C-alpha atoms as a PDB file:
ATOM      1  CA  UNK A   1    -132.969 -28.020 178.024  1.00  0.00           C
ATOM      2  CA  UNK A   2    -136.004 -29.489 176.233  1.00  0.00           C
ATOM      3  CA  UNK A   3    -135.972 -26.665 173.673  1.00  0.00           C
ATOM      4  CA  UNK A   4    -132.277 -27.207 172.968  1.00  0.00           C
ATOM      5  CA  UNK A   5    -132.724 -30.956 172.567  1.00  0.00           C
ATOM      6  CA  UNK A   6    -135.719 -30.405 170.284  1.00  0.00           C
ATOM      7  CA  UNK A   7    -133.639 -27.990 168.187  1.00  0.00           C
ATOM      8  CA  UNK A   8    -130.873 -30.585 168.010  1.00  0.00           C
ATOM      9  CA  UNK A   9    -133.336 -33.316 167.037  1.00  0.00           C
ATOM     10  CA  UNK A  10    -134.872 -31.060 164.385  1.00  0.00           C
ATOM     11  CA  UNK A  11    -131.418 -30.281 162.997  1.00  0.00           C
ATOM     12  CA  UNK A  12    -130.617 -33.991 162.762  1.00  0.00           C
ATOM     13  CA  UNK A  13    -133.899 -34.674 160.935  1.00  0.00           C
ATOM     14  CA  UNK A  14    -133.088 -31.912 158.428  1.00  0.00           C
ATOM     15  CA  UNK A  15    -129.596 -33.381 158.026  1.00  0.00           C
ATOM     16  CA  UNK A  16    -131.020 -36.814 157.195  1.00  0.00           C
ATOM     17  CA  UNK A  17    -133.348 -35.217 154.613  1.00  0.00           C
ATOM     18  CA  UNK A  18    -130.448 -33.292 153.045  1.00  0.00           C
ATOM     19  CA  UNK A  19    -128.310 -36.435 152.876  1.00  0.00           C
ATOM     20  CA  UNK A  20    -131.104 -38.249 151.085  1.00  0.00           C
ATOM     21  CA  UNK A  21    -131.285 -35.430 148.537  1.00  0.00           C
ATOM     22  CA  UNK A  22    -127.526 -35.059 148.058  1.00  0.00           C
ATOM     23  CA  UNK A  23    -126.297 -38.642 148.133  1.00  0.00           C
ATOM     24  CA  UNK A  24    -129.017 -41.123 148.930  1.00  0.00           C
ATOM     25  CA  UNK A  25    -129.273 -42.948 152.223  1.00  0.00           C
ATOM     26  CA  UNK A  26    -129.027 -46.302 150.465  1.00  0.00           C
ATOM     27  CA  UNK A  27    -125.606 -45.464 148.992  1.00  0.00           C
ATOM     28  CA  UNK A  28    -124.376 -44.242 152.378  1.00  0.00           C
ATOM     29  CA  UNK A  29    -125.631 -47.400 154.107  1.00  0.00           C
ATOM     30  CA  UNK A  30    -123.913 -49.641 151.531  1.00  0.00           C
ATOM     31  CA  UNK A  31    -120.582 -48.003 152.416  1.00  0.00           C
ATOM     32  CA  UNK A  32    -121.162 -47.965 156.190  1.00  0.00           C
ATOM     33  CA  UNK A  33    -121.795 -51.732 156.344  1.00  0.00           C
ATOM     34  CA  UNK A  34    -118.340 -52.344 154.868  1.00  0.00           C
ATOM     35  CA  UNK A  35    -116.560 -50.782 157.857  1.00  0.00           C
ATOM     36  CA  UNK A  36    -113.754 -52.920 159.226  1.00  0.00           C
ATOM     37  CA  UNK A  37    -115.105 -54.600 162.413  1.00  0.00           C
ATOM     38  CA  UNK A  38    -111.571 -54.879 163.829  1.00  0.00           C
ATOM     39  CA  UNK A  39    -111.026 -51.111 163.678  1.00  0.00           C
ATOM     40  CA  UNK A  40    -114.546 -50.176 164.803  1.00  0.00           C
ATOM     41  CA  UNK A  41    -113.923 -50.553 168.598  1.00  0.00           C
ATOM     42  CA  UNK A  42    -110.784 -48.416 168.239  1.00  0.00           C
ATOM     43  CA  UNK A  43    -112.748 -45.700 166.431  1.00  0.00           C
ATOM     44  CA  UNK A  44    -115.480 -45.734 169.080  1.00  0.00           C
ATOM     45  CA  UNK A  45    -113.123 -45.460 172.046  1.00  0.00           C
ATOM     46  CA  UNK A  46    -110.700 -42.864 170.590  1.00  0.00           C
ATOM     47  CA  UNK A  47    -112.860 -39.747 171.314  1.00  0.00           C
ATOM     48  CA  UNK A  48    -112.936 -40.768 174.978  1.00  0.00           C
ATOM     49  CA  UNK A  49    -109.186 -41.422 174.977  1.00  0.00           C
ATOM     50  CA  UNK A  50    -108.738 -37.905 173.583  1.00  0.00           C
ATOM     51  CA  UNK A  51    -111.026 -36.576 176.304  1.00  0.00           C
ATOM     52  CA  UNK A  52    -108.953 -38.357 178.942  1.00  0.00           C
ATOM     53  CA  UNK A  53    -105.805 -36.751 177.506  1.00  0.00           C
ATOM     54  CA  UNK A  54    -107.605 -33.403 177.706  1.00  0.00           C
ATOM     55  CA  UNK A  55    -108.552 -34.126 181.334  1.00  0.00           C
ATOM     56  CA  UNK A  56    -104.895 -34.580 182.206  1.00  0.00           C
ATOM     57  CA  UNK A  57    -104.201 -31.162 180.625  1.00  0.00           C
ATOM     58  CA  UNK A  58    -106.966 -29.463 182.594  1.00  0.00           C
ATOM     59  CA  UNK A  59    -105.682 -31.113 185.774  1.00  0.00           C
ATOM     60  CA  UNK A  60    -102.243 -29.577 185.161  1.00  0.00           C
ATOM     61  CA  UNK A  61    -103.827 -26.140 184.785  1.00  0.00           C
ATOM     62  CA  UNK A  62    -105.830 -26.672 187.972  1.00  0.00           C
ATOM     63  CA  UNK A  63    -102.586 -27.415 189.761  1.00  0.00           C
ATOM     64  CA  UNK A  64    -101.200 -24.102 188.489  1.00  0.00           C
ATOM     65  CA  UNK A  65    -103.807 -22.330 190.666  1.00  0.00           C
ATOM     66  CA  UNK A  66    -103.200 -24.681 193.622  1.00  0.00           C
ATOM     67  CA  UNK A  67    -106.243 -26.902 193.040  1.00  0.00           C
ATOM     68  CA  UNK A  68    -105.425 -30.610 193.274  1.00  0.00           C
ATOM     69  CA  UNK A  69    -108.154 -32.866 191.864  1.00  0.00           C
ATOM     70  CA  UNK A  70    -107.847 -36.495 190.796  1.00  0.00           C
ATOM     71  CA  UNK A  71    -108.017 -37.127 187.079  1.00  0.00           C
ATOM     72  CA  UNK A  72    -111.209 -39.237 187.297  1.00  0.00           C
ATOM     73  CA  UNK A  73    -113.153 -36.301 188.744  1.00  0.00           C
ATOM     74  CA  UNK A  74    -111.702 -33.972 186.125  1.00  0.00           C
ATOM     75  CA  UNK A  75    -112.662 -36.433 183.364  1.00  0.00           C
ATOM     76  CA  UNK A  76    -116.225 -36.615 184.659  1.00  0.00           C
ATOM     77  CA  UNK A  77    -116.762 -32.858 184.424  1.00  0.00           C
ATOM     78  CA  UNK A  78    -114.809 -32.592 181.201  1.00  0.00           C
ATOM     79  CA  UNK A  79    -117.260 -35.101 179.711  1.00  0.00           C
ATOM     80  CA  UNK A  80    -120.309 -33.244 181.039  1.00  0.00           C
ATOM     81  CA  UNK A  81    -118.794 -29.989 179.791  1.00  0.00           C
ATOM     82  CA  UNK A  82    -118.398 -31.616 176.365  1.00  0.00           C
ATOM     83  CA  UNK A  83    -122.132 -32.374 176.351  1.00  0.00           C
ATOM     84  CA  UNK A  84    -122.891 -28.683 176.848  1.00  0.00           C
ATOM     85  CA  UNK A  85    -120.292 -27.795 174.215  1.00  0.00           C
ATOM     86  CA  UNK A  86    -122.151 -29.968 171.736  1.00  0.00           C
ATOM     87  CA  UNK A  87    -125.736 -28.945 172.526  1.00  0.00           C
ATOM     88  CA  UNK A  88    -125.101 -25.197 172.531  1.00  0.00           C
ATOM     89  CA  UNK A  89    -124.536 -23.089 169.392  1.00  0.00           C
ATOM     90  CA  UNK A  90    -120.876 -22.578 170.342  1.00  0.00           C
ATOM     91  CA  UNK A  91    -118.992 -25.703 169.265  1.00  0.00           C
ATOM     92  CA  UNK A  92    -116.284 -26.602 171.835  1.00  0.00           C
ATOM     93  CA  UNK A  93    -116.782 -23.566 174.098  1.00  0.00           C
ATOM     94  CA  UNK A  94    -120.397 -23.451 175.270  1.00  0.00           C
ATOM     95  CA  UNK A  95    -119.780 -25.874 178.136  1.00  0.00           C
ATOM     96  CA  UNK A  96    -116.686 -24.239 179.644  1.00  0.00           C
ATOM     97  CA  UNK A  97    -118.474 -22.209 182.370  1.00  0.00           C
ATOM     98  CA  UNK A  98    -120.732 -25.188 183.112  1.00  0.00           C
ATOM     99  CA  UNK A  99    -117.940 -27.614 183.904  1.00  0.00           C
ATOM    100  CA  UNK A 100    -116.059 -24.948 185.901  1.00  0.00           C
ATOM    101  CA  UNK A 101    -119.079 -24.216 188.088  1.00  0.00           C
ATOM    102  CA  UNK A 102    -119.822 -27.894 188.635  1.00  0.00           C
ATOM    103  CA  UNK A 103    -116.258 -28.787 189.564  1.00  0.00           C
ATOM    104  CA  UNK A 104    -116.013 -25.829 191.948  1.00  0.00           C
ATOM    105  CA  UNK A 105    -119.193 -26.996 193.702  1.00  0.00           C
ATOM    106  CA  UNK A 106    -117.924 -30.545 194.167  1.00  0.00           C
ATOM    107  CA  UNK A 107    -114.371 -29.838 195.328  1.00  0.00           C
ATOM    108  CA  UNK A 108    -115.515 -26.828 197.378  1.00  0.00           C
ATOM    109  CA  UNK A 109    -112.945 -24.467 195.901  1.00  0.00           C
ATOM    110  CA  UNK A 110    -113.733 -20.839 195.109  1.00  0.00           C
ATOM    111  CA  UNK A 111    -115.055 -20.490 191.569  1.00  0.00           C
ATOM    112  CA  UNK A 112    -112.473 -17.833 190.693  1.00  0.00           C
ATOM    113  CA  UNK A 113    -109.648 -20.388 190.843  1.00  0.00           C
ATOM    114  CA  UNK A 114    -111.496 -22.935 188.708  1.00  0.00           C
ATOM    115  CA  UNK A 115    -112.515 -20.287 186.193  1.00  0.00           C
ATOM    116  CA  UNK A 116    -108.900 -19.093 185.968  1.00  0.00           C
ATOM    117  CA  UNK A 117    -107.825 -22.630 185.030  1.00  0.00           C
ATOM    118  CA  UNK A 118    -110.653 -22.835 182.489  1.00  0.00           C
ATOM    119  CA  UNK A 119    -109.631 -19.460 181.025  1.00  0.00           C
ATOM    120  CA  UNK A 120    -106.080 -20.757 180.471  1.00  0.00           C
ATOM    121  CA  UNK A 121    -107.484 -24.036 179.183  1.00  0.00           C
ATOM    122  CA  UNK A 122    -109.698 -22.179 176.696  1.00  0.00           C
ATOM    123  CA  UNK A 123    -106.749 -20.071 175.551  1.00  0.00           C
ATOM    124  CA  UNK A 124    -104.679 -23.182 174.851  1.00  0.00           C
ATOM    125  CA  UNK A 125    -107.574 -24.972 173.133  1.00  0.00           C
ATOM    126  CA  UNK A 126    -108.336 -21.913 171.031  1.00  0.00           C
ATOM    127  CA  UNK A 127    -104.661 -21.588 170.071  1.00  0.00           C
ATOM    128  CA  UNK A 128    -104.414 -25.206 168.890  1.00  0.00           C
ATOM    129  CA  UNK A 129    -107.685 -24.885 166.981  1.00  0.00           C
ATOM    130  CA  UNK A 130    -106.423 -21.713 165.304  1.00  0.00           C
ATOM    131  CA  UNK A 131    -103.276 -23.617 164.326  1.00  0.00           C
ATOM    132  CA  UNK A 132    -105.323 -26.406 162.724  1.00  0.00           C
ATOM    133  CA  UNK A 133    -107.702 -24.006 160.993  1.00  0.00           C
ATOM    134  CA  UNK A 134    -104.829 -21.937 159.633  1.00  0.00           C
ATOM    135  CA  UNK A 135    -103.061 -25.100 158.431  1.00  0.00           C
ATOM    136  CA  UNK A 136    -106.284 -25.991 156.647  1.00  0.00           C
ATOM    137  CA  UNK A 137    -106.589 -22.534 155.078  1.00  0.00           C
ATOM    138  CA  UNK A 138    -102.925 -22.614 154.052  1.00  0.00           C
ATOM    139  CA  UNK A 139    -103.380 -26.006 152.417  1.00  0.00           C
ATOM    140  CA  UNK A 140    -106.450 -24.827 150.517  1.00  0.00           C
ATOM    141  CA  UNK A 141    -104.515 -21.762 149.341  1.00  0.00           C
ATOM    142  CA  UNK A 142    -101.650 -23.884 147.964  1.00  0.00           C
ATOM    143  CA  UNK A 143    -104.234 -26.043 146.200  1.00  0.00           C
ATOM    144  CA  UNK A 144    -105.741 -22.870 144.634  1.00  0.00           C
ATOM    145  CA  UNK A 145    -109.088 -23.505 146.310  1.00  0.00           C
ATOM    146  CA  UNK A 146    -108.747 -20.466 148.579  1.00  0.00           C
ATOM    147  CA  UNK A 147    -107.156 -17.153 147.551  1.00  0.00           C
ATOM    148  CA  UNK A 148    -104.442 -15.585 149.709  1.00  0.00           C
ATOM    149  CA  UNK A 149    -106.515 -12.536 150.626  1.00  0.00           C
ATOM    150  CA  UNK A 150    -109.179 -14.807 152.147  1.00  0.00           C
ATOM    151  CA  UNK A 151    -106.419 -16.706 153.952  1.00  0.00           C
ATOM    152  CA  UNK A 152    -105.186 -13.583 155.748  1.00  0.00           C
ATOM    153  CA  UNK A 153    -108.758 -12.440 156.409  1.00  0.00           C
ATOM    154  CA  UNK A 154    -109.493 -15.765 158.129  1.00  0.00           C
ATOM    155  CA  UNK A 155    -106.334 -15.434 160.218  1.00  0.00           C
ATOM    156  CA  UNK A 156    -107.365 -11.911 161.251  1.00  0.00           C
ATOM    157  CA  UNK A 157    -110.852 -13.048 162.252  1.00  0.00           C
ATOM    158  CA  UNK A 158    -109.378 -15.858 164.351  1.00  0.00           C
ATOM    159  CA  UNK A 159    -106.747 -13.755 166.084  1.00  0.00           C
ATOM    160  CA  UNK A 160    -109.020 -10.787 166.861  1.00  0.00           C
ATOM    161  CA  UNK A 161    -110.992 -12.339 169.786  1.00  0.00           C
ATOM    162  CA  UNK A 162    -107.809 -13.939 171.125  1.00  0.00           C
ATOM    163  CA  UNK A 163    -105.961 -10.592 171.038  1.00  0.00           C
ATOM    164  CA  UNK A 164    -108.851  -8.616 172.548  1.00  0.00           C
ATOM    165  CA  UNK A 165    -109.437 -11.168 175.301  1.00  0.00           C
ATOM    166  CA  UNK A 166    -105.747 -11.172 176.241  1.00  0.00           C
ATOM    167  CA  UNK A 167    -105.658  -7.355 176.271  1.00  0.00           C
ATOM    168  CA  UNK A 168    -108.802  -7.046 178.406  1.00  0.00           C
ATOM    169  CA  UNK A 169    -107.320  -9.349 181.036  1.00  0.00           C
ATOM    170  CA  UNK A 170    -103.818  -7.874 180.832  1.00  0.00           C
ATOM    171  CA  UNK A 171    -104.858  -4.225 181.160  1.00  0.00           C
ATOM    172  CA  UNK A 172    -106.244  -3.760 184.673  1.00  0.00           C
ATOM    173  CA  UNK A 173    -107.977  -0.468 183.865  1.00  0.00           C
ATOM    174  CA  UNK A 174    -109.807  -1.925 180.869  1.00  0.00           C
ATOM    175  CA  UNK A 175    -110.878  -4.944 182.912  1.00  0.00           C
ATOM    176  CA  UNK A 176    -112.280  -2.715 185.687  1.00  0.00           C
ATOM    177  CA  UNK A 177    -114.070  -0.502 183.151  1.00  0.00           C
ATOM    178  CA  UNK A 178    -115.686  -3.448 181.336  1.00  0.00           C
ATOM    179  CA  UNK A 179    -116.676  -5.215 184.570  1.00  0.00           C
ATOM    180  CA  UNK A 180    -118.286  -2.020 185.927  1.00  0.00           C
ATOM    181  CA  UNK A 181    -120.261  -1.587 182.712  1.00  0.00           C
ATOM    182  CA  UNK A 182    -121.348  -5.228 182.859  1.00  0.00           C
ATOM    183  CA  UNK A 183    -122.262  -4.779 186.538  1.00  0.00           C
ATOM    184  CA  UNK A 184    -124.539  -1.822 185.749  1.00  0.00           C
ATOM    185  CA  UNK A 185    -126.249  -3.728 182.939  1.00  0.00           C
ATOM    186  CA  UNK A 186    -126.760  -6.771 185.173  1.00  0.00           C
ATOM    187  CA  UNK A 187    -128.180  -4.639 188.004  1.00  0.00           C
ATOM    188  CA  UNK A 188    -130.750  -3.133 185.624  1.00  0.00           C
ATOM    189  CA  UNK A 189    -131.894  -6.604 184.637  1.00  0.00           C
ATOM    190  CA  UNK A 190    -131.885  -7.865 188.217  1.00  0.00           C
ATOM    191  CA  UNK A 191    -131.171  -5.534 191.185  1.00  0.00           C
ATOM    192  CA  UNK A 192    -127.881  -6.375 192.903  1.00  0.00           C
ATOM    193  CA  UNK A 193    -126.991  -9.056 190.335  1.00  0.00           C
ATOM    194  CA  UNK A 194    -123.622  -7.602 189.309  1.00  0.00           C
ATOM    195  CA  UNK A 195    -122.687  -5.906 192.574  1.00  0.00           C
ATOM    196  CA  UNK A 196    -119.472  -7.842 193.229  1.00  0.00           C
ATOM    197  CA  UNK A 197    -118.421  -8.321 189.606  1.00  0.00           C
ATOM    198  CA  UNK A 198    -115.532  -5.783 189.459  1.00  0.00           C
ATOM    199  CA  UNK A 199    -113.915  -7.206 192.592  1.00  0.00           C
ATOM    200  CA  UNK A 200    -114.458 -10.779 191.415  1.00  0.00           C
ATOM    201  CA  UNK A 201    -112.859 -10.000 188.051  1.00  0.00           C
ATOM    202  CA  UNK A 202    -109.783  -8.511 189.721  1.00  0.00           C
ATOM    203  CA  UNK A 203    -109.366 -11.589 191.942  1.00  0.00           C
ATOM    204  CA  UNK A 204    -109.927 -13.783 188.893  1.00  0.00           C
ATOM    205  CA  UNK A 205    -107.154 -11.812 187.148  1.00  0.00           C
ATOM    206  CA  UNK A 206    -104.789 -12.499 190.039  1.00  0.00           C
ATOM    207  CA  UNK A 207    -105.491 -16.228 189.823  1.00  0.00           C
ATOM    208  CA  UNK A 208    -104.927 -16.110 186.076  1.00  0.00           C
ATOM    209  CA  UNK A 209    -101.581 -14.346 186.533  1.00  0.00           C
ATOM    210  CA  UNK A 210    -100.652 -16.995 189.081  1.00  0.00           C
ATOM    211  CA  UNK A 211    -101.400 -19.680 186.519  1.00  0.00           C
ATOM    212  CA  UNK A 212     -99.303 -17.896 183.890  1.00  0.00           C
ATOM    213  CA  UNK A 213     -96.281 -17.937 186.191  1.00  0.00           C
ATOM    214  CA  UNK A 214     -96.233 -21.761 186.072  1.00  0.00           C
ATOM    215  CA  UNK A 215     -94.515 -21.874 182.688  1.00  0.00           C
ATOM    216  CA  UNK A 216     -93.550 -25.527 183.085  1.00  0.00           C
ATOM    217  CA  UNK A 217     -97.198 -26.564 183.375  1.00  0.00           C
ATOM    218  CA  UNK A 218     -98.231 -24.231 180.557  1.00  0.00           C
ATOM    219  CA  UNK A 219     -95.668 -25.733 178.179  1.00  0.00           C
ATOM    220  CA  UNK A 220     -96.837 -29.260 179.060  1.00  0.00           C
ATOM    221  CA  UNK A 221    -100.466 -28.188 178.601  1.00  0.00           C
ATOM    222  CA  UNK A 222     -99.766 -26.720 175.165  1.00  0.00           C
ATOM    223  CA  UNK A 223     -97.966 -29.923 174.121  1.00  0.00           C
ATOM    224  CA  UNK A 224    -100.938 -31.979 175.308  1.00  0.00           C
ATOM    225  CA  UNK A 225    -103.310 -29.646 173.426  1.00  0.00           C
ATOM    226  CA  UNK A 226    -101.386 -30.269 170.196  1.00  0.00           C
ATOM    227  CA  UNK A 227    -101.494 -34.007 170.925  1.00  0.00           C
ATOM    228  CA  UNK A 228    -105.304 -33.797 171.195  1.00  0.00           C
ATOM    229  CA  UNK A 229    -105.560 -32.286 167.714  1.00  0.00           C
ATOM    230  CA  UNK A 230    -103.249 -34.991 166.324  1.00  0.00           C
ATOM    231  CA  UNK A 231    -105.355 -37.720 167.953  1.00  0.00           C
ATOM    232  CA  UNK A 232    -108.476 -36.273 166.310  1.00  0.00           C
ATOM    233  CA  UNK A 233    -106.775 -36.224 162.905  1.00  0.00           C
ATOM    234  CA  UNK A 234    -105.547 -39.795 163.400  1.00  0.00           C
ATOM    235  CA  UNK A 235    -109.014 -40.997 164.445  1.00  0.00           C
ATOM    236  CA  UNK A 236    -110.675 -39.516 161.360  1.00  0.00           C
ATOM    237  CA  UNK A 237    -107.922 -40.964 159.167  1.00  0.00           C
ATOM    238  CA  UNK A 238    -108.569 -44.420 160.670  1.00  0.00           C
ATOM    239  CA  UNK A 239    -112.269 -44.021 159.861  1.00  0.00           C
ATOM    240  CA  UNK A 240    -111.349 -43.599 156.198  1.00  0.00           C
ATOM    241  CA  UNK A 241    -109.061 -46.637 156.431  1.00  0.00           C
ATOM    242  CA  UNK A 242    -111.805 -48.685 158.111  1.00  0.00           C
ATOM    243  CA  UNK A 243    -114.196 -47.806 155.279  1.00  0.00           C
ATOM    244  CA  UNK A 244    -111.602 -48.660 152.633  1.00  0.00           C
ATOM    245  CA  UNK A 245    -111.396 -45.078 151.360  1.00  0.00           C
ATOM    246  CA  UNK A 246    -108.057 -43.893 149.978  1.00  0.00           C
ATOM    247  CA  UNK A 247    -107.240 -40.479 151.429  1.00  0.00           C
ATOM    248  CA  UNK A 248    -104.122 -38.591 152.519  1.00  0.00           C
ATOM    249  CA  UNK A 249    -103.677 -37.659 156.185  1.00  0.00           C
ATOM    250  CA  UNK A 250    -103.121 -34.033 155.139  1.00  0.00           C
ATOM    251  CA  UNK A 251    -106.529 -34.042 153.449  1.00  0.00           C
ATOM    252  CA  UNK A 252    -108.012 -35.218 156.749  1.00  0.00           C
ATOM    253  CA  UNK A 253    -106.275 -32.381 158.630  1.00  0.00           C
ATOM    254  CA  UNK A 254    -107.524 -29.803 156.127  1.00  0.00           C
ATOM    255  CA  UNK A 255    -111.054 -31.191 156.375  1.00  0.00           C
ATOM    256  CA  UNK A 256    -111.081 -31.068 160.182  1.00  0.00           C
ATOM    257  CA  UNK A 257    -109.835 -27.472 160.129  1.00  0.00           C
ATOM    258  CA  UNK A 258    -112.681 -26.456 157.820  1.00  0.00           C
ATOM    259  CA  UNK A 259    -115.229 -28.281 159.983  1.00  0.00           C
ATOM    260  CA  UNK A 260    -114.002 -26.643 163.187  1.00  0.00           C
ATOM    261  CA  UNK A 261    -114.102 -23.185 161.598  1.00  0.00           C
ATOM    262  CA  UNK A 262    -117.567 -23.624 160.080  1.00  0.00           C
ATOM    263  CA  UNK A 263    -119.007 -25.528 163.051  1.00  0.00           C
ATOM    264  CA  UNK A 264    -117.781 -22.853 165.448  1.00  0.00           C
ATOM    265  CA  UNK A 265    -120.192 -20.310 164.020  1.00  0.00           C
ATOM    266  CA  UNK A 266    -123.001 -19.791 166.585  1.00  0.00           C
ATOM    267  CA  UNK A 267    -125.868 -21.108 164.483  1.00  0.00           C
ATOM    268  CA  UNK A 268    -127.115 -24.546 165.536  1.00  0.00           C
ATOM    269  CA  UNK A 269    -126.253 -26.904 168.449  1.00  0.00           C
ATOM    270  CA  UNK A 270    -122.780 -28.349 167.927  1.00  0.00           C
ATOM    271  CA  UNK A 271    -122.579 -26.848 164.438  1.00  0.00           C
ATOM    272  CA  UNK A 272    -124.963 -29.503 163.087  1.00  0.00           C
ATOM    273  CA  UNK A 273    -125.622 -29.136 159.325  1.00  0.00           C
ATOM    274  CA  UNK A 274    -122.862 -26.535 158.926  1.00  0.00           C
ATOM    275  CA  UNK A 275    -120.098 -28.903 160.083  1.00  0.00           C
ATOM    276  CA  UNK A 276    -121.278 -31.825 157.959  1.00  0.00           C
ATOM    277  CA  UNK A 277    -121.973 -29.857 154.785  1.00  0.00           C
ATOM    278  CA  UNK A 278    -118.669 -27.929 154.933  1.00  0.00           C
ATOM    279  CA  UNK A 279    -116.495 -30.999 155.514  1.00  0.00           C
ATOM    280  CA  UNK A 280    -118.261 -33.080 152.858  1.00  0.00           C
ATOM    281  CA  UNK A 281    -117.951 -30.201 150.383  1.00  0.00           C
ATOM    282  CA  UNK A 282    -114.209 -29.806 151.025  1.00  0.00           C
ATOM    283  CA  UNK A 283    -113.605 -33.547 150.727  1.00  0.00           C
ATOM    284  CA  UNK A 284    -115.314 -33.609 147.332  1.00  0.00           C
ATOM    285  CA  UNK A 285    -113.188 -30.642 146.218  1.00  0.00           C
ATOM    286  CA  UNK A 286    -110.106 -32.603 147.330  1.00  0.00           C
ATOM    287  CA  UNK A 287    -111.048 -35.573 145.165  1.00  0.00           C
ATOM    288  CA  UNK A 288    -113.066 -37.841 147.467  1.00  0.00           C
ATOM    289  CA  UNK A 289    -116.357 -39.115 146.016  1.00  0.00           C
ATOM    290  CA  UNK A 290    -119.471 -37.703 147.696  1.00  0.00           C
ATOM    291  CA  UNK A 291    -120.882 -40.952 149.108  1.00  0.00           C
ATOM    292  CA  UNK A 292    -117.605 -42.141 150.728  1.00  0.00           C
ATOM    293  CA  UNK A 293    -116.893 -38.617 152.041  1.00  0.00           C
ATOM    294  CA  UNK A 294    -120.365 -38.406 153.554  1.00  0.00           C
ATOM    295  CA  UNK A 295    -120.089 -41.857 155.135  1.00  0.00           C
ATOM    296  CA  UNK A 296    -116.749 -41.075 156.786  1.00  0.00           C
ATOM    297  CA  UNK A 297    -117.951 -37.739 158.182  1.00  0.00           C
ATOM    298  CA  UNK A 298    -121.128 -39.346 159.533  1.00  0.00           C
ATOM    299  CA  UNK A 299    -119.111 -42.010 161.391  1.00  0.00           C
ATOM    300  CA  UNK A 300    -116.850 -39.293 162.829  1.00  0.00           C
ATOM    301  CA  UNK A 301    -119.776 -37.154 163.930  1.00  0.00           C
ATOM    302  CA  UNK A 302    -121.491 -40.149 165.496  1.00  0.00           C
ATOM    303  CA  UNK A 303    -118.544 -41.199 167.664  1.00  0.00           C
ATOM    304  CA  UNK A 304    -117.217 -37.713 168.419  1.00  0.00           C
ATOM    305  CA  UNK A 305    -120.566 -35.935 168.769  1.00  0.00           C
ATOM    306  CA  UNK A 306    -123.694 -38.025 169.356  1.00  0.00           C
ATOM    307  CA  UNK A 307    -121.925 -40.783 171.306  1.00  0.00           C
ATOM    308  CA  UNK A 308    -120.196 -38.238 173.565  1.00  0.00           C
ATOM    309  CA  UNK A 309    -123.567 -36.587 174.265  1.00  0.00           C
ATOM    310  CA  UNK A 310    -125.209 -39.936 175.083  1.00  0.00           C
ATOM    311  CA  UNK A 311    -122.385 -41.130 177.357  1.00  0.00           C
ATOM    312  CA  UNK A 312    -122.177 -37.699 179.015  1.00  0.00           C
ATOM    313  CA  UNK A 313    -125.886 -37.712 179.837  1.00  0.00           C
ATOM    314  CA  UNK A 314    -125.562 -41.255 181.253  1.00  0.00           C
ATOM    315  CA  UNK A 315    -122.636 -40.079 183.406  1.00  0.00           C
ATOM    316  CA  UNK A 316    -124.639 -37.120 184.697  1.00  0.00           C
ATOM    317  CA  UNK A 317    -127.531 -39.425 185.606  1.00  0.00           C
ATOM    318  CA  UNK A 318    -125.198 -41.933 187.299  1.00  0.00           C
ATOM    319  CA  UNK A 319    -123.566 -39.250 189.436  1.00  0.00           C
ATOM    320  CA  UNK A 320    -126.883 -37.613 190.319  1.00  0.00           C
ATOM    321  CA  UNK A 321    -126.347 -34.439 188.318  1.00  0.00           C
ATOM    322  CA  UNK A 322    -129.585 -33.145 186.822  1.00  0.00           C
ATOM    323  CA  UNK A 323    -130.005 -30.244 184.429  1.00  0.00           C
ATOM    324  CA  UNK A 324    -132.649 -27.559 184.621  1.00  0.00           C
ATOM    325  CA  UNK A 325    -133.492 -24.487 182.583  1.00  0.00           C
ATOM    326  CA  UNK A 326    -136.298 -23.216 184.789  1.00  0.00           C
ATOM    327  CA  UNK A 327    -136.445 -19.547 185.627  1.00  0.00           C
ATOM    328  CA  UNK A 328    -134.981 -18.357 188.923  1.00  0.00           C
ATOM    329  CA  UNK A 329    -132.818 -21.482 189.074  1.00  0.00           C
ATOM    330  CA  UNK A 330    -129.311 -22.292 187.944  1.00  0.00           C
ATOM    331  CA  UNK A 331    -129.357 -24.146 184.651  1.00  0.00           C
ATOM    332  CA  UNK A 332    -127.836 -27.109 186.484  1.00  0.00           C
ATOM    333  CA  UNK A 333    -128.189 -28.369 190.007  1.00  0.00           C
ATOM    334  CA  UNK A 334    -126.816 -31.201 192.103  1.00  0.00           C
ATOM    335  CA  UNK A 335    -128.867 -34.096 193.263  1.00  0.00           C
ATOM    336  CA  UNK A 336    -131.998 -35.532 191.784  1.00  0.00           C
END
């Protein structure tokens, strides 16, 4: 954990240096101090409202595998999962197994059921993110910033893991083959480590199929997932309004799509540097001056990234959940 946090801190220091070189911290500060104080509380609370909406979606998917958990508990682990999402080099997905494991431990339900709900949750999240990214790419193509060949290449890259993952789970023989291979590799690293993996994967598949049969909950979950993306777009748009920057809501949507695509590359914790530079660059291409564009993105990243990490760590401390990366231990444990 210390190494990850040091990497994150180092990335933030480099970001500050780059901002000084590109724009000038003084110019950014002069814009930030003009933020509308009436809208500021709304901007701060909106990422947590979005997370609460997400928690309701995850709770629906938990119900599809016969796990009934109150929304406050779901929100707690969704928040802690978000922390891991943001401090691992896999923006939005690095914390999924963490929150599943933690929730399973607390509610004393077999992990396979929780992981099945998280698998469906990830599929829905990934689908809505693909939709936003593709909207962004489509918009850039119409604006002659991105050529059509690149547009279809991006779509192919996005759909490939989704298609392969669906096929691996759907085809029982492929799933058994892959799990046996993974079991052998795990046993070489640590004797007996992957012994029950094939059987676990088959039971996980059954739970996933059970979840898929609840089409009413899946439709509601997809609608909520789309609502989450719209809330994010609206929040960023309100940041521009609060800073007195004239920008179209479609420009905001395009910018978020680019940031999600670039920040999702497994490079640095939470896509730091890549996310900021890509979104600022696109905003300047779309006619927003560099200093205002930078200021708006920094406010967004503070409330939706750093603030979520800080609040999530406080929550984990309050509920007695400590994190550990020591060898021969789980990377998280309960109790102090």
